[in-house]
Amino acid sequence: GFASALTYDFEVYSAAQKRWLEVSS
């Protein structure tokens, strides 16, 4: 992100879609 020096993103696994969804930065 423009203002960030360091960011950790959290992703949870969506089993029916079989993909990862970002839920937090």
PDB file of all heavy atoms in Angstrom:
ATOM      1  N   GLY A   1       0.816  -1.206   0.000  1.00  0.00           N
ATOM      2  CA  GLY A   1       0.000   0.000   0.000  1.00  0.00           C
ATOM      3  C   GLY A   1       0.853   1.262   0.000  1.00  0.00           C
ATOM      4  O   GLY A   1       1.984   1.269   0.490  1.00  0.00           O
ATOM      5  N   PHE A   2       0.293   2.341  -0.520  1.00  0.00           N
ATOM      6  CA  PHE A   2       0.998   3.606  -0.698  1.00  0.00           C
ATOM      7  C   PHE A   2       1.615   4.110   0.607  1.00  0.00           C
ATOM      8  O   PHE A   2       2.752   4.581   0.637  1.00  0.00           O
ATOM      9  CB  PHE A   2       0.009   4.646  -1.237  1.00  0.00           C
ATOM     10  CG  PHE A   2       0.607   5.981  -1.554  1.00  0.00           C
ATOM     11  CD1 PHE A   2       1.204   6.222  -2.783  1.00  0.00           C
ATOM     12  CD2 PHE A   2       0.561   7.023  -0.632  1.00  0.00           C
ATOM     13  CE1 PHE A   2       1.744   7.467  -3.089  1.00  0.00           C
ATOM     14  CE2 PHE A   2       1.097   8.268  -0.925  1.00  0.00           C
ATOM     15  CZ  PHE A   2       1.687   8.490  -2.154  1.00  0.00           C
ATOM     16  N   ALA A   3       0.883   3.999   1.717  1.00  0.00           N
ATOM     17  CA  ALA A   3       1.327   4.585   2.983  1.00  0.00           C
ATOM     18  C   ALA A   3       2.104   3.617   3.860  1.00  0.00           C
ATOM     19  O   ALA A   3       2.680   4.021   4.869  1.00  0.00           O
ATOM     20  CB  ALA A   3       0.122   5.117   3.768  1.00  0.00           C
ATOM     21  N   SER A   4       2.157   2.351   3.491  1.00  0.00           N
ATOM     22  CA  SER A   4       2.725   1.326   4.366  1.00  0.00           C
ATOM     23  C   SER A   4       4.221   1.123   4.138  1.00  0.00           C
ATOM     24  O   SER A   4       4.709   1.195   3.014  1.00  0.00           O
ATOM     25  CB  SER A   4       2.002  -0.003   4.138  1.00  0.00           C
ATOM     26  OG  SER A   4       2.597  -1.037   4.901  1.00  0.00           O
ATOM     27  N   ALA A   5       4.916   0.845   5.256  1.00  0.00           N
ATOM     28  CA  ALA A   5       6.319   0.436   5.168  1.00  0.00           C
ATOM     29  C   ALA A   5       6.430  -1.085   5.131  1.00  0.00           C
ATOM     30  O   ALA A   5       7.347  -1.631   4.512  1.00  0.00           O
ATOM     31  CB  ALA A   5       7.107   0.987   6.358  1.00  0.00           C
ATOM     32  N   LEU A   6       5.503  -1.773   5.790  1.00  0.00           N
ATOM     33  CA  LEU A   6       5.489  -3.236   5.812  1.00  0.00           C
ATOM     34  C   LEU A   6       4.070  -3.696   6.108  1.00  0.00           C
ATOM     35  O   LEU A   6       3.437  -3.205   7.049  1.00  0.00           O
ATOM     36  CB  LEU A   6       6.442  -3.776   6.885  1.00  0.00           C
ATOM     37  CG  LEU A   6       6.475  -5.306   7.083  1.00  0.00           C
ATOM     38  CD1 LEU A   6       6.888  -6.020   5.798  1.00  0.00           C
ATOM     39  CD2 LEU A   6       7.430  -5.663   8.222  1.00  0.00           C
ATOM     40  N   THR A   7       3.566  -4.612   5.287  1.00  0.00           N
ATOM     41  CA  THR A   7       2.200  -5.124   5.456  1.00  0.00           C
ATOM     42  C   THR A   7       2.186  -6.643   5.396  1.00  0.00           C
ATOM     43  O   THR A   7       2.838  -7.251   4.540  1.00  0.00           O
ATOM     44  CB  THR A   7       1.265  -4.577   4.363  1.00  0.00           C
ATOM     45  OG1 THR A   7       1.122  -3.169   4.524  1.00  0.00           O
ATOM     46  CG2 THR A   7      -0.113  -5.217   4.435  1.00  0.00           C
ATOM     47  N   TYR A   8       1.428  -7.232   6.324  1.00  0.00           N
ATOM     48  CA  TYR A   8       1.132  -8.664   6.294  1.00  0.00           C
ATOM     49  C   TYR A   8      -0.343  -8.820   5.954  1.00  0.00           C
ATOM     50  O   TYR A   8      -1.209  -8.249   6.614  1.00  0.00           O
ATOM     51  CB  TYR A   8       1.424  -9.316   7.640  1.00  0.00           C
ATOM     52  CG  TYR A   8       2.893  -9.363   7.998  1.00  0.00           C
ATOM     53  CD1 TYR A   8       3.431  -8.457   8.912  1.00  0.00           C
ATOM     54  CD2 TYR A   8       3.737 -10.307   7.436  1.00  0.00           C
ATOM     55  CE1 TYR A   8       4.773  -8.486   9.243  1.00  0.00           C
ATOM     56  CE2 TYR A   8       5.089 -10.352   7.765  1.00  0.00           C
ATOM     57  CZ  TYR A   8       5.596  -9.440   8.669  1.00  0.00           C
ATOM     58  OH  TYR A   8       6.932  -9.473   9.000  1.00  0.00           O
ATOM     59  N   ASP A   9      -0.636  -9.590   4.923  1.00  0.00           N
ATOM     60  CA  ASP A   9      -2.010  -9.924   4.569  1.00  0.00           C
ATOM     61  C   ASP A   9      -2.358 -11.312   5.090  1.00  0.00           C
ATOM     62  O   ASP A   9      -1.528 -12.233   5.029  1.00  0.00           O
ATOM     63  CB  ASP A   9      -2.200  -9.909   3.048  1.00  0.00           C
ATOM     64  CG  ASP A   9      -2.605  -8.548   2.521  1.00  0.00           C
ATOM     65  OD1 ASP A   9      -2.638  -7.590   3.312  1.00  0.00           O
ATOM     66  OD2 ASP A   9      -2.886  -8.440   1.312  1.00  0.00           O
ATOM     67  N   PHE A  10      -3.591 -11.464   5.584  1.00  0.00           N
ATOM     68  CA  PHE A  10      -4.116 -12.767   5.972  1.00  0.00           C
ATOM     69  C   PHE A  10      -5.109 -13.227   4.914  1.00  0.00           C
ATOM     70  O   PHE A  10      -5.974 -12.447   4.482  1.00  0.00           O
ATOM     71  CB  PHE A  10      -4.843 -12.667   7.316  1.00  0.00           C
ATOM     72  CG  PHE A  10      -3.928 -12.623   8.517  1.00  0.00           C
ATOM     73  CD1 PHE A  10      -3.259 -11.462   8.846  1.00  0.00           C
ATOM     74  CD2 PHE A  10      -3.740 -13.742   9.317  1.00  0.00           C
ATOM     75  CE1 PHE A  10      -2.420 -11.396   9.943  1.00  0.00           C
ATOM     76  CE2 PHE A  10      -2.903 -13.697  10.422  1.00  0.00           C
ATOM     77  CZ  PHE A  10      -2.245 -12.524  10.741  1.00  0.00           C
ATOM     78  N   GLU A  11      -4.991 -14.482   4.533  1.00  0.00           N
ATOM     79  CA  GLU A  11      -5.930 -15.083   3.593  1.00  0.00           C
ATOM     80  C   GLU A  11      -6.511 -16.354   4.208  1.00  0.00           C
ATOM     81  O   GLU A  11      -5.772 -17.143   4.811  1.00  0.00           O
ATOM     82  CB  GLU A  11      -5.239 -15.426   2.278  1.00  0.00           C
ATOM     83  CG  GLU A  11      -4.673 -14.214   1.543  1.00  0.00           C
ATOM     84  CD  GLU A  11      -3.946 -14.591   0.261  1.00  0.00           C
ATOM     85  OE1 GLU A  11      -3.547 -15.766   0.134  1.00  0.00           O
ATOM     86  OE2 GLU A  11      -3.783 -13.706  -0.594  1.00  0.00           O
ATOM     87  N   VAL A  12      -7.819 -16.534   4.080  1.00  0.00           N
ATOM     88  CA  VAL A  12      -8.455 -17.770   4.522  1.00  0.00           C
ATOM     89  C   VAL A  12      -8.842 -18.589   3.295  1.00  0.00           C
ATOM     90  O   VAL A  12      -9.082 -18.035   2.216  1.00  0.00           O
ATOM     91  CB  VAL A  12      -9.691 -17.506   5.408  1.00  0.00           C
ATOM     92  CG1 VAL A  12      -9.295 -16.782   6.689  1.00  0.00           C
ATOM     93  CG2 VAL A  12     -10.760 -16.728   4.659  1.00  0.00           C
ATOM     94  N   TYR A  13      -8.891 -19.900   3.506  1.00  0.00           N
ATOM     95  CA  TYR A  13      -9.202 -20.784   2.383  1.00  0.00           C
ATOM     96  C   TYR A  13     -10.702 -20.992   2.290  1.00  0.00           C
ATOM     97  O   TYR A  13     -11.369 -21.350   3.265  1.00  0.00           O
ATOM     98  CB  TYR A  13      -8.508 -22.130   2.532  1.00  0.00           C
ATOM     99  CG  TYR A  13      -8.661 -23.018   1.321  1.00  0.00           C
ATOM    100  CD1 TYR A  13      -8.020 -22.699   0.128  1.00  0.00           C
ATOM    101  CD2 TYR A  13      -9.472 -24.158   1.360  1.00  0.00           C
ATOM    102  CE1 TYR A  13      -8.157 -23.498  -0.989  1.00  0.00           C
ATOM    103  CE2 TYR A  13      -9.613 -24.969   0.248  1.00  0.00           C
ATOM    104  CZ  TYR A  13      -8.959 -24.632  -0.933  1.00  0.00           C
ATOM    105  OH  TYR A  13      -9.106 -25.425  -2.051  1.00  0.00           O
ATOM    106  N   SER A  14     -11.241 -20.747   1.105  1.00  0.00           N
ATOM    107  CA  SER A  14     -12.656 -20.942   0.825  1.00  0.00           C
ATOM    108  C   SER A  14     -12.812 -22.291   0.117  1.00  0.00           C
ATOM    109  O   SER A  14     -12.453 -22.434  -1.053  1.00  0.00           O
ATOM    110  CB  SER A  14     -13.158 -19.794  -0.072  1.00  0.00           C
ATOM    111  OG  SER A  14     -14.447 -20.060  -0.543  1.00  0.00           O
ATOM    112  N   ALA A  15     -13.317 -23.277   0.864  1.00  0.00           N
ATOM    113  CA  ALA A  15     -13.287 -24.656   0.378  1.00  0.00           C
ATOM    114  C   ALA A  15     -14.198 -24.894  -0.821  1.00  0.00           C
ATOM    115  O   ALA A  15     -13.858 -25.674  -1.717  1.00  0.00           O
ATOM    116  CB  ALA A  15     -13.673 -25.609   1.517  1.00  0.00           C
ATOM    117  N   ALA A  16     -15.360 -24.259  -0.861  1.00  0.00           N
ATOM    118  CA  ALA A  16     -16.277 -24.479  -1.978  1.00  0.00           C
ATOM    119  C   ALA A  16     -15.769 -23.806  -3.248  1.00  0.00           C
ATOM    120  O   ALA A  16     -15.942 -24.330  -4.352  1.00  0.00           O
ATOM    121  CB  ALA A  16     -17.668 -23.975  -1.629  1.00  0.00           C
ATOM    122  N   GLN A  17     -15.131 -22.642  -3.097  1.00  0.00           N
ATOM    123  CA  GLN A  17     -14.581 -21.942  -4.267  1.00  0.00           C
ATOM    124  C   GLN A  17     -13.174 -22.432  -4.611  1.00  0.00           C
ATOM    125  O   GLN A  17     -12.649 -22.109  -5.673  1.00  0.00           O
ATOM    126  CB  GLN A  17     -14.537 -20.438  -4.005  1.00  0.00           C
ATOM    127  CG  GLN A  17     -15.903 -19.808  -3.754  1.00  0.00           C
ATOM    128  CD  GLN A  17     -15.775 -18.323  -3.473  1.00  0.00           C
ATOM    129  OE1 GLN A  17     -15.454 -17.530  -4.363  1.00  0.00           O
ATOM    130  NE2 GLN A  17     -16.004 -17.929  -2.219  1.00  0.00           N
ATOM    131  N   LYS A  18     -12.558 -23.127  -3.653  1.00  0.00           N
ATOM    132  CA  LYS A  18     -11.194 -23.629  -3.815  1.00  0.00           C
ATOM    133  C   LYS A  18     -10.213 -22.495  -4.123  1.00  0.00           C
ATOM    134  O   LYS A  18      -9.405 -22.584  -5.045  1.00  0.00           O
ATOM    135  CB  LYS A  18     -11.139 -24.707  -4.908  1.00  0.00           C
ATOM    136  CG  LYS A  18     -12.003 -25.921  -4.596  1.00  0.00           C
ATOM    137  CD  LYS A  18     -11.947 -26.953  -5.707  1.00  0.00           C
ATOM    138  CE  LYS A  18     -12.858 -28.145  -5.387  1.00  0.00           C
ATOM    139  NZ  LYS A  18     -12.862 -29.127  -6.485  1.00  0.00           N
ATOM    140  N   ARG A  19     -10.319 -21.440  -3.337  1.00  0.00           N
ATOM    141  CA  ARG A  19      -9.439 -20.293  -3.523  1.00  0.00           C
ATOM    142  C   ARG A  19      -9.227 -19.593  -2.189  1.00  0.00           C
ATOM    143  O   ARG A  19      -9.980 -19.785  -1.233  1.00  0.00           O
ATOM    144  CB  ARG A  19      -9.996 -19.322  -4.561  1.00  0.00           C
ATOM    145  CG  ARG A  19     -11.354 -18.755  -4.252  1.00  0.00           C
ATOM    146  CD  ARG A  19     -11.916 -17.975  -5.441  1.00  0.00           C
ATOM    147  NE  ARG A  19     -11.115 -16.806  -5.732  1.00  0.00           N
ATOM    148  CZ  ARG A  19     -11.464 -15.563  -5.385  1.00  0.00           C
ATOM    149  NH1 ARG A  19     -12.603 -15.334  -4.748  1.00  0.00           N
ATOM    150  NH2 ARG A  19     -10.698 -14.545  -5.674  1.00  0.00           N
ATOM    151  N   TRP A  20      -8.169 -18.759  -2.157  1.00  0.00           N
ATOM    152  CA  TRP A  20      -7.842 -17.991  -0.958  1.00  0.00           C
ATOM    153  C   TRP A  20      -8.513 -16.622  -1.018  1.00  0.00           C
ATOM    154  O   TRP A  20      -8.540 -15.989  -2.070  1.00  0.00           O
ATOM    155  CB  TRP A  20      -6.329 -17.820  -0.842  1.00  0.00           C
ATOM    156  CG  TRP A  20      -5.597 -19.109  -0.572  1.00  0.00           C
ATOM    157  CD1 TRP A  20      -5.042 -19.953  -1.492  1.00  0.00           C
ATOM    158  CD2 TRP A  20      -5.349 -19.689   0.710  1.00  0.00           C
ATOM    159  NE1 TRP A  20      -4.468 -21.019  -0.872  1.00  0.00           N
ATOM    160  CE2 TRP A  20      -4.628 -20.892   0.495  1.00  0.00           C
ATOM    161  CE3 TRP A  20      -5.648 -19.312   2.025  1.00  0.00           C
ATOM    162  CZ2 TRP A  20      -4.220 -21.715   1.540  1.00  0.00           C
ATOM    163  CZ3 TRP A  20      -5.241 -20.140   3.063  1.00  0.00           C
ATOM    164  CH2 TRP A  20      -4.541 -21.316   2.815  1.00  0.00           C
ATOM    165  N   LEU A  21      -9.036 -16.177   0.130  1.00  0.00           N
ATOM    166  CA  LEU A  21      -9.706 -14.888   0.227  1.00  0.00           C
ATOM    167  C   LEU A  21      -8.975 -14.012   1.245  1.00  0.00           C
ATOM    168  O   LEU A  21      -8.777 -14.413   2.396  1.00  0.00           O
ATOM    169  CB  LEU A  21     -11.160 -15.070   0.686  1.00  0.00           C
ATOM    170  CG  LEU A  21     -12.055 -15.987  -0.158  1.00  0.00           C
ATOM    171  CD1 LEU A  21     -13.423 -16.127   0.510  1.00  0.00           C
ATOM    172  CD2 LEU A  21     -12.206 -15.449  -1.578  1.00  0.00           C
ATOM    173  N   GLU A  22      -8.605 -12.824   0.833  1.00  0.00           N
ATOM    174  CA  GLU A  22      -7.948 -11.904   1.773  1.00  0.00           C
ATOM    175  C   GLU A  22      -8.965 -11.378   2.777  1.00  0.00           C
ATOM    176  O   GLU A  22     -10.048 -10.918   2.404  1.00  0.00           O
ATOM    177  CB  GLU A  22      -7.335 -10.721   1.010  1.00  0.00           C
ATOM    178  CG  GLU A  22      -6.626  -9.720   1.918  1.00  0.00           C
ATOM    179  CD  GLU A  22      -6.363  -8.390   1.250  1.00  0.00           C
ATOM    180  OE1 GLU A  22      -6.158  -8.382   0.022  1.00  0.00           O
ATOM    181  OE2 GLU A  22      -6.376  -7.363   1.962  1.00  0.00           O
ATOM    182  N   VAL A  23      -8.620 -11.457   4.074  1.00  0.00           N
ATOM    183  CA  VAL A  23      -9.543 -11.019   5.125  1.00  0.00           C
ATOM    184  C   VAL A  23      -8.939  -9.966   6.052  1.00  0.00           C
ATOM    185  O   VAL A  23      -9.639  -9.386   6.879  1.00  0.00           O
ATOM    186  CB  VAL A  23     -10.036 -12.214   5.969  1.00  0.00           C
ATOM    187  CG1 VAL A  23     -10.891 -13.146   5.127  1.00  0.00           C
ATOM    188  CG2 VAL A  23      -8.869 -12.964   6.607  1.00  0.00           C
ATOM    189  N   SER A  24      -7.633  -9.737   5.957  1.00  0.00           N
ATOM    190  CA  SER A  24      -7.008  -8.758   6.848  1.00  0.00           C
ATOM    191  C   SER A  24      -5.693  -8.274   6.271  1.00  0.00           C
ATOM    192  O   SER A  24      -4.968  -9.033   5.619  1.00  0.00           O
ATOM    193  CB  SER A  24      -6.753  -9.369   8.234  1.00  0.00           C
ATOM    194  OG  SER A  24      -6.010  -8.484   9.062  1.00  0.00           O
ATOM    195  N   SER A  25      -5.404  -6.982   6.537  1.00  0.00           N
ATOM    196  CA  SER A  25      -4.075  -6.418   6.302  1.00  0.00           C
ATOM    197  C   SER A  25      -3.631  -5.778   7.605  1.00  0.00           C
ATOM    198  O   SER A  25      -4.401  -5.036   8.226  1.00  0.00           O
ATOM    199  CB  SER A  25      -4.102  -5.360   5.199  1.00  0.00           C
ATOM    200  OG  SER A  25      -4.318  -5.951   3.938  1.00  0.00           O
TER     201      SER A  25
END
